[in-house]
PDB file of all heavy atoms in Angstrom:
ATOM      1  N   HIS A   1       1.482  -1.170  10.161  1.00  0.00           N
ATOM      2  CA  HIS A   1       2.005   0.145   9.783  1.00  0.00           C
ATOM      3  C   HIS A   1       2.694   0.077   8.451  1.00  0.00           C
ATOM      4  O   HIS A   1       2.699  -0.912   7.765  1.00  0.00           O
ATOM      5  CB  HIS A   1       2.941   0.640  10.899  1.00  0.00           C
ATOM      6  CG  HIS A   1       3.949  -0.377  11.311  1.00  0.00           C
ATOM      7  ND1 HIS A   1       5.150  -0.580  10.629  1.00  0.00           N
ATOM      8  CD2 HIS A   1       3.928  -1.242  12.334  1.00  0.00           C
ATOM      9  CE1 HIS A   1       5.845  -1.560  11.245  1.00  0.00           C
ATOM     10  NE2 HIS A   1       5.129  -1.967  12.264  1.00  0.00           N
ATOM     11  N   GLY A   2       3.274   1.187   8.048  1.00  0.00           N
ATOM     12  CA  GLY A   2       3.900   1.229   6.731  1.00  0.00           C
ATOM     13  C   GLY A   2       2.858   1.284   5.668  1.00  0.00           C
ATOM     14  O   GLY A   2       1.822   1.935   5.768  1.00  0.00           O
ATOM     15  N   ALA A   3       3.081   0.564   4.532  1.00  0.00           N
ATOM     16  CA  ALA A   3       2.167   0.577   3.405  1.00  0.00           C
ATOM     17  C   ALA A   3       0.822  -0.028   3.709  1.00  0.00           C
ATOM     18  O   ALA A   3      -0.115   0.087   2.953  1.00  0.00           O
ATOM     19  CB  ALA A   3       2.804  -0.089   2.204  1.00  0.00           C
ATOM     20  N   SER A   4       0.720  -0.814   4.814  1.00  0.00           N
ATOM     21  CA  SER A   4      -0.510  -1.540   5.085  1.00  0.00           C
ATOM     22  C   SER A   4      -1.455  -0.829   6.047  1.00  0.00           C
ATOM     23  O   SER A   4      -2.443  -1.423   6.473  1.00  0.00           O
ATOM     24  CB  SER A   4      -0.143  -2.928   5.622  1.00  0.00           C
ATOM     25  OG  SER A   4       0.688  -2.805   6.760  1.00  0.00           O
ATOM     26  N   ASP A   5      -1.155   0.399   6.442  1.00  0.00           N
ATOM     27  CA  ASP A   5      -2.012   1.089   7.418  1.00  0.00           C
ATOM     28  C   ASP A   5      -3.457   1.145   6.983  1.00  0.00           C
ATOM     29  O   ASP A   5      -4.348   0.836   7.758  1.00  0.00           O
ATOM     30  CB  ASP A   5      -1.479   2.558   7.582  1.00  0.00           C
ATOM     31  CG  ASP A   5      -0.403   2.615   8.676  1.00  0.00           C
ATOM     32  OD1 ASP A   5      -0.305   1.647   9.416  1.00  0.00           O
ATOM     33  OD2 ASP A   5       0.307   3.604   8.725  1.00  0.00           O
ATOM     34  N   GLY A   6      -3.673   1.608   5.740  1.00  0.00           N
ATOM     35  CA  GLY A   6      -5.068   1.799   5.327  1.00  0.00           C
ATOM     36  C   GLY A   6      -5.914   0.554   5.403  1.00  0.00           C
ATOM     37  O   GLY A   6      -7.061   0.552   5.805  1.00  0.00           O
ATOM     38  N   GLY A   7      -5.309  -0.589   4.967  1.00  0.00           N
ATOM     39  CA  GLY A   7      -6.048  -1.833   4.939  1.00  0.00           C
ATOM     40  C   GLY A   7      -6.464  -2.310   6.333  1.00  0.00           C
ATOM     41  O   GLY A   7      -7.555  -2.839   6.499  1.00  0.00           O
ATOM     42  N   ALA A   8      -5.610  -2.115   7.331  1.00  0.00           N
ATOM     43  CA  ALA A   8      -5.889  -2.624   8.657  1.00  0.00           C
ATOM     44  C   ALA A   8      -6.914  -1.758   9.354  1.00  0.00           C
ATOM     45  O   ALA A   8      -7.789  -2.246  10.084  1.00  0.00           O
ATOM     46  CB  ALA A   8      -4.628  -2.730   9.471  1.00  0.00           C
ATOM     47  N   GLU A   9      -6.820  -0.457   9.203  1.00  0.00           N
ATOM     48  CA  GLU A   9      -7.685   0.470   9.920  1.00  0.00           C
ATOM     49  C   GLU A   9      -9.059   0.607   9.241  1.00  0.00           C
ATOM     50  O   GLU A   9     -10.029   0.958   9.887  1.00  0.00           O
ATOM     51  CB  GLU A   9      -7.010   1.840  10.004  1.00  0.00           C
ATOM     52  CG  GLU A   9      -5.735   1.806  10.861  1.00  0.00           C
ATOM     53  CD  GLU A   9      -5.047   3.114  10.922  1.00  0.00           C
ATOM     54  OE1 GLU A   9      -5.540   4.075  10.339  1.00  0.00           O
ATOM     55  OE2 GLU A   9      -3.984   3.190  11.605  1.00  0.00           O
ATOM     56  N   ASP A  10      -9.128   0.395   7.973  1.00  0.00           N
ATOM     57  CA  ASP A  10     -10.394   0.511   7.258  1.00  0.00           C
ATOM     58  C   ASP A  10     -10.694  -0.848   6.657  1.00  0.00           C
ATOM     59  O   ASP A  10     -10.833  -1.004   5.420  1.00  0.00           O
ATOM     60  CB  ASP A  10     -10.298   1.601   6.184  1.00  0.00           C
ATOM     61  CG  ASP A  10     -11.674   1.897   5.588  1.00  0.00           C
ATOM     62  OD1 ASP A  10     -12.693   1.460   6.163  1.00  0.00           O
ATOM     63  OD2 ASP A  10     -11.744   2.571   4.546  1.00  0.00           O
ATOM     64  N   ALA A  11     -10.788  -1.856   7.481  1.00  0.00           N
ATOM     65  CA  ALA A  11     -10.915  -3.222   7.039  1.00  0.00           C
ATOM     66  C   ALA A  11     -12.326  -3.628   6.674  1.00  0.00           C
ATOM     67  O   ALA A  11     -12.591  -4.794   6.441  1.00  0.00           O
ATOM     68  CB  ALA A  11     -10.366  -4.193   8.137  1.00  0.00           C
ATOM     69  N   LYS A  12     -13.258  -2.698   6.661  1.00  0.00           N
ATOM     70  CA  LYS A  12     -14.639  -3.006   6.321  1.00  0.00           C
ATOM     71  C   LYS A  12     -14.764  -3.449   4.834  1.00  0.00           C
ATOM     72  O   LYS A  12     -15.677  -4.133   4.472  1.00  0.00           O
ATOM     73  CB  LYS A  12     -15.552  -1.787   6.550  1.00  0.00           C
ATOM     74  CG  LYS A  12     -15.672  -1.411   8.003  1.00  0.00           C
ATOM     75  CD  LYS A  12     -16.587  -0.199   8.171  1.00  0.00           C
ATOM     76  CE  LYS A  12     -16.720   0.195   9.627  1.00  0.00           C
ATOM     77  NZ  LYS A  12     -17.624   1.376   9.810  1.00  0.00           N
ATOM     78  N   SER A  13     -13.778  -3.000   4.034  1.00  0.00           N
ATOM     79  CA  SER A  13     -13.855  -3.326   2.601  1.00  0.00           C
ATOM     80  C   SER A  13     -12.518  -3.753   2.097  1.00  0.00           C
ATOM     81  O   SER A  13     -11.531  -3.047   2.216  1.00  0.00           O
ATOM     82  CB  SER A  13     -14.360  -2.099   1.815  1.00  0.00           C
ATOM     83  OG  SER A  13     -14.178  -2.313   0.442  1.00  0.00           O
ATOM     84  N   ASP A  14     -12.426  -4.918   1.473  1.00  0.00           N
ATOM     85  CA  ASP A  14     -11.168  -5.390   0.879  1.00  0.00           C
ATOM     86  C   ASP A  14     -10.758  -4.447  -0.275  1.00  0.00           C
ATOM     87  O   ASP A  14      -9.579  -4.194  -0.498  1.00  0.00           O
ATOM     88  CB  ASP A  14     -11.300  -6.780   0.329  1.00  0.00           C
ATOM     89  CG  ASP A  14     -11.438  -7.793   1.436  1.00  0.00           C
ATOM     90  OD1 ASP A  14     -11.185  -7.415   2.602  1.00  0.00           O
ATOM     91  OD2 ASP A  14     -11.808  -8.946   1.137  1.00  0.00           O
ATOM     92  N   GLU A  15     -11.761  -3.899  -0.981  1.00  0.00           N
ATOM     93  CA  GLU A  15     -11.431  -3.047  -2.094  1.00  0.00           C
ATOM     94  C   GLU A  15     -10.782  -1.769  -1.646  1.00  0.00           C
ATOM     95  O   GLU A  15      -9.846  -1.239  -2.274  1.00  0.00           O
ATOM     96  CB  GLU A  15     -12.721  -2.717  -2.907  1.00  0.00           C
ATOM     97  CG  GLU A  15     -13.250  -3.876  -3.689  1.00  0.00           C
ATOM     98  CD  GLU A  15     -13.961  -4.922  -2.799  1.00  0.00           C
ATOM     99  OE1 GLU A  15     -14.176  -4.619  -1.616  1.00  0.00           O
ATOM    100  OE2 GLU A  15     -14.273  -5.983  -3.334  1.00  0.00           O
ATOM    101  N   ASN A  16     -11.271  -1.174  -0.498  1.00  0.00           N
ATOM    102  CA  ASN A  16     -10.685   0.007   0.026  1.00  0.00           C
ATOM    103  C   ASN A  16      -9.251  -0.247   0.440  1.00  0.00           C
ATOM    104  O   ASN A  16      -8.334   0.582   0.229  1.00  0.00           O
ATOM    105  CB  ASN A  16     -11.486   0.527   1.232  1.00  0.00           C
ATOM    106  CG  ASN A  16     -12.795   1.141   0.850  1.00  0.00           C
ATOM    107  OD1 ASN A  16     -13.004   1.448  -0.334  1.00  0.00           O
ATOM    108  ND2 ASN A  16     -13.709   1.301   1.792  1.00  0.00           N
ATOM    109  N   ALA A  17      -9.009  -1.377   1.045  1.00  0.00           N
ATOM    110  CA  ALA A  17      -7.646  -1.746   1.461  1.00  0.00           C
ATOM    111  C   ALA A  17      -6.735  -1.821   0.283  1.00  0.00           C
ATOM    112  O   ALA A  17      -5.629  -1.311   0.279  1.00  0.00           O
ATOM    113  CB  ALA A  17      -7.658  -3.046   2.228  1.00  0.00           C
ATOM    114  N   ALA A  18      -7.217  -2.465  -0.812  1.00  0.00           N
ATOM    115  CA  ALA A  18      -6.377  -2.595  -1.987  1.00  0.00           C
ATOM    116  C   ALA A  18      -6.102  -1.283  -2.605  1.00  0.00           C
ATOM    117  O   ALA A  18      -4.960  -1.011  -3.040  1.00  0.00           O
ATOM    118  CB  ALA A  18      -7.080  -3.508  -3.014  1.00  0.00           C
ATOM    119  N   ALA A  19      -7.072  -0.337  -2.667  1.00  0.00           N
ATOM    120  CA  ALA A  19      -6.858   0.943  -3.280  1.00  0.00           C
ATOM    121  C   ALA A  19      -5.818   1.740  -2.536  1.00  0.00           C
ATOM    122  O   ALA A  19      -4.967   2.387  -3.134  1.00  0.00           O
ATOM    123  CB  ALA A  19      -8.174   1.705  -3.318  1.00  0.00           C
ATOM    124  N   LYS A  20      -5.885   1.665  -1.202  1.00  0.00           N
ATOM    125  CA  LYS A  20      -4.910   2.466  -0.404  1.00  0.00           C
ATOM    126  C   LYS A  20      -3.522   1.905  -0.534  1.00  0.00           C
ATOM    127  O   LYS A  20      -2.554   2.642  -0.639  1.00  0.00           O
ATOM    128  CB  LYS A  20      -5.364   2.492   1.039  1.00  0.00           C
ATOM    129  CG  LYS A  20      -6.661   3.285   1.263  1.00  0.00           C
ATOM    130  CD  LYS A  20      -7.066   3.336   2.718  1.00  0.00           C
ATOM    131  CE  LYS A  20      -8.351   4.097   2.884  1.00  0.00           C
ATOM    132  NZ  LYS A  20      -8.756   4.207   4.313  1.00  0.00           N
ATOM    133  N   THR A  21      -3.376   0.609  -0.472  1.00  0.00           N
ATOM    134  CA  THR A  21      -2.053   0.025  -0.546  1.00  0.00           C
ATOM    135  C   THR A  21      -1.481   0.150  -1.945  1.00  0.00           C
ATOM    136  O   THR A  21      -0.267   0.318  -2.141  1.00  0.00           O
ATOM    137  CB  THR A  21      -2.075  -1.481  -0.168  1.00  0.00           C
ATOM    138  OG1 THR A  21      -3.117  -2.126  -0.884  1.00  0.00           O
ATOM    139  CG2 THR A  21      -2.347  -1.623   1.300  1.00  0.00           C
ATOM    140  N   THR A  22      -2.313   0.074  -2.967  1.00  0.00           N
ATOM    141  CA  THR A  22      -1.817   0.296  -4.340  1.00  0.00           C
ATOM    142  C   THR A  22      -1.320   1.680  -4.535  1.00  0.00           C
ATOM    143  O   THR A  22      -0.333   1.913  -5.230  1.00  0.00           O
ATOM    144  CB  THR A  22      -2.949  -0.026  -5.383  1.00  0.00           C
ATOM    145  OG1 THR A  22      -3.385  -1.373  -5.195  1.00  0.00           O
ATOM    146  CG2 THR A  22      -2.469   0.155  -6.777  1.00  0.00           C
ATOM    147  N   ALA A  23      -2.002   2.676  -3.936  1.00  0.00           N
ATOM    148  CA  ALA A  23      -1.514   4.042  -3.994  1.00  0.00           C
ATOM    149  C   ALA A  23      -0.129   4.167  -3.410  1.00  0.00           C
ATOM    150  O   ALA A  23       0.743   4.883  -3.919  1.00  0.00           O
ATOM    151  CB  ALA A  23      -2.487   4.976  -3.283  1.00  0.00           C
ATOM    152  N   ALA A  24       0.108   3.432  -2.310  1.00  0.00           N
ATOM    153  CA  ALA A  24       1.441   3.463  -1.732  1.00  0.00           C
ATOM    154  C   ALA A  24       2.455   2.850  -2.647  1.00  0.00           C
ATOM    155  O   ALA A  24       3.601   3.292  -2.727  1.00  0.00           O
ATOM    156  CB  ALA A  24       1.413   2.742  -0.380  1.00  0.00           C
ATOM    157  N   ALA A  25       2.055   1.817  -3.392  1.00  0.00           N
ATOM    158  CA  ALA A  25       2.970   1.171  -4.313  1.00  0.00           C
ATOM    159  C   ALA A  25       3.422   2.073  -5.411  1.00  0.00           C
ATOM    160  O   ALA A  25       4.553   2.009  -5.875  1.00  0.00           O
ATOM    161  CB  ALA A  25       2.312  -0.086  -4.903  1.00  0.00           C
ATOM    162  N   ASP A  26       2.575   2.964  -5.869  1.00  0.00           N
ATOM    163  CA  ASP A  26       2.891   3.854  -7.002  1.00  0.00           C
ATOM    164  C   ASP A  26       4.018   4.752  -6.686  1.00  0.00           C
ATOM    165  O   ASP A  26       4.739   5.254  -7.520  1.00  0.00           O
ATOM    166  CB  ASP A  26       1.671   4.702  -7.385  1.00  0.00           C
ATOM    167  CG  ASP A  26       0.578   3.816  -8.018  1.00  0.00           C
ATOM    168  OD1 ASP A  26       0.920   2.710  -8.462  1.00  0.00           O
ATOM    169  OD2 ASP A  26      -0.594   4.260  -7.996  1.00  0.00           O
ATOM    170  N   SER A  27       4.240   5.042  -5.372  1.00  0.00           N
ATOM    171  CA  SER A  27       5.316   5.934  -4.983  1.00  0.00           C
ATOM    172  C   SER A  27       6.552   5.223  -4.573  1.00  0.00           C
ATOM    173  O   SER A  27       7.501   5.838  -4.062  1.00  0.00           O
ATOM    174  CB  SER A  27       4.840   6.849  -3.828  1.00  0.00           C
ATOM    175  OG  SER A  27       4.499   6.079  -2.695  1.00  0.00           O
ATOM    176  N   GLY A  28       6.596   3.905  -4.737  1.00  0.00           N
ATOM    177  CA  GLY A  28       7.729   3.143  -4.289  1.00  0.00           C
ATOM    178  C   GLY A  28       8.955   3.252  -5.210  1.00  0.00           C
ATOM    179  O   GLY A  28       8.906   3.782  -6.291  1.00  0.00           O
ATOM    180  N   ASP A  29      10.089   2.736  -4.699  1.00  0.00           N
ATOM    181  CA  ASP A  29      11.337   2.763  -5.447  1.00  0.00           C
ATOM    182  C   ASP A  29      11.347   1.612  -6.432  1.00  0.00           C
ATOM    183  O   ASP A  29      11.152   0.488  -6.067  1.00  0.00           O
ATOM    184  CB  ASP A  29      12.503   2.635  -4.433  1.00  0.00           C
ATOM    185  CG  ASP A  29      13.839   2.637  -5.143  1.00  0.00           C
ATOM    186  OD1 ASP A  29      13.871   2.913  -6.374  1.00  0.00           O
ATOM    187  OD2 ASP A  29      14.851   2.379  -4.469  1.00  0.00           O
ATOM    188  N   ALA A  30      11.567   1.900  -7.716  1.00  0.00           N
ATOM    189  CA  ALA A  30      11.475   0.867  -8.771  1.00  0.00           C
ATOM    190  C   ALA A  30      12.717  -0.023  -8.821  1.00  0.00           C
ATOM    191  O   ALA A  30      12.683  -1.135  -9.301  1.00  0.00           O
ATOM    192  CB  ALA A  30      11.259   1.509 -10.135  1.00  0.00           C
ATOM    193  N   GLY A  31      13.856   0.452  -8.325  1.00  0.00           N
ATOM    194  CA  GLY A  31      15.030  -0.389  -8.498  1.00  0.00           C
ATOM    195  C   GLY A  31      16.117  -0.153  -7.470  1.00  0.00           C
ATOM    196  O   GLY A  31      17.291  -0.245  -7.741  1.00  0.00           O
ATOM    197  N   GLY A  32      15.715   0.253  -6.220  1.00  0.00           N
ATOM    198  CA  GLY A  32      16.723   0.565  -5.220  1.00  0.00           C
ATOM    199  C   GLY A  32      17.626  -0.570  -4.870  1.00  0.00           C
ATOM    200  O   GLY A  32      18.853  -0.428  -4.706  1.00  0.00           O
ATOM    201  N   THR A  33      17.042  -1.801  -4.744  1.00  0.00           N
ATOM    202  CA  THR A  33      17.854  -2.944  -4.387  1.00  0.00           C
ATOM    203  C   THR A  33      18.893  -3.262  -5.430  1.00  0.00           C
ATOM    204  O   THR A  33      20.076  -3.465  -5.125  1.00  0.00           O
ATOM    205  CB  THR A  33      16.983  -4.182  -4.186  1.00  0.00           C
ATOM    206  OG1 THR A  33      15.973  -3.879  -3.177  1.00  0.00           O
ATOM    207  CG2 THR A  33      17.760  -5.382  -3.765  1.00  0.00           C
ATOM    208  N   ASP A  34      18.519  -3.275  -6.689  1.00  0.00           N
ATOM    209  CA  ASP A  34      19.496  -3.563  -7.756  1.00  0.00           C
ATOM    210  C   ASP A  34      20.560  -2.490  -7.842  1.00  0.00           C
ATOM    211  O   ASP A  34      21.741  -2.784  -8.044  1.00  0.00           O
ATOM    212  CB  ASP A  34      18.763  -3.667  -9.109  1.00  0.00           C
ATOM    213  CG  ASP A  34      18.084  -5.028  -9.255  1.00  0.00           C
ATOM    214  OD1 ASP A  34      18.189  -5.811  -8.308  1.00  0.00           O
ATOM    215  OD2 ASP A  34      17.462  -5.272 -10.261  1.00  0.00           O
ATOM    216  N   THR A  35      20.140  -1.221  -7.717  1.00  0.00           N
ATOM    217  CA  THR A  35      21.141  -0.134  -7.808  1.00  0.00           C
ATOM    218  C   THR A  35      22.159  -0.256  -6.737  1.00  0.00           C
ATOM    219  O   THR A  35      23.371  -0.144  -6.957  1.00  0.00           O
ATOM    220  CB  THR A  35      20.402   1.209  -7.699  1.00  0.00           C
ATOM    221  OG1 THR A  35      19.446   1.304  -8.746  1.00  0.00           O
ATOM    222  CG2 THR A  35      21.405   2.350  -7.806  1.00  0.00           C
TER     223      THR A  35
END
């Protein structure tokens, strides 16, 4: 679950998994921990 949902459920293609998880990364917090 979380950012890895797409990769596990659509595991027929590694590229599809990477595309979905990378899209999730684009919306992530860039510096929450440091702040």
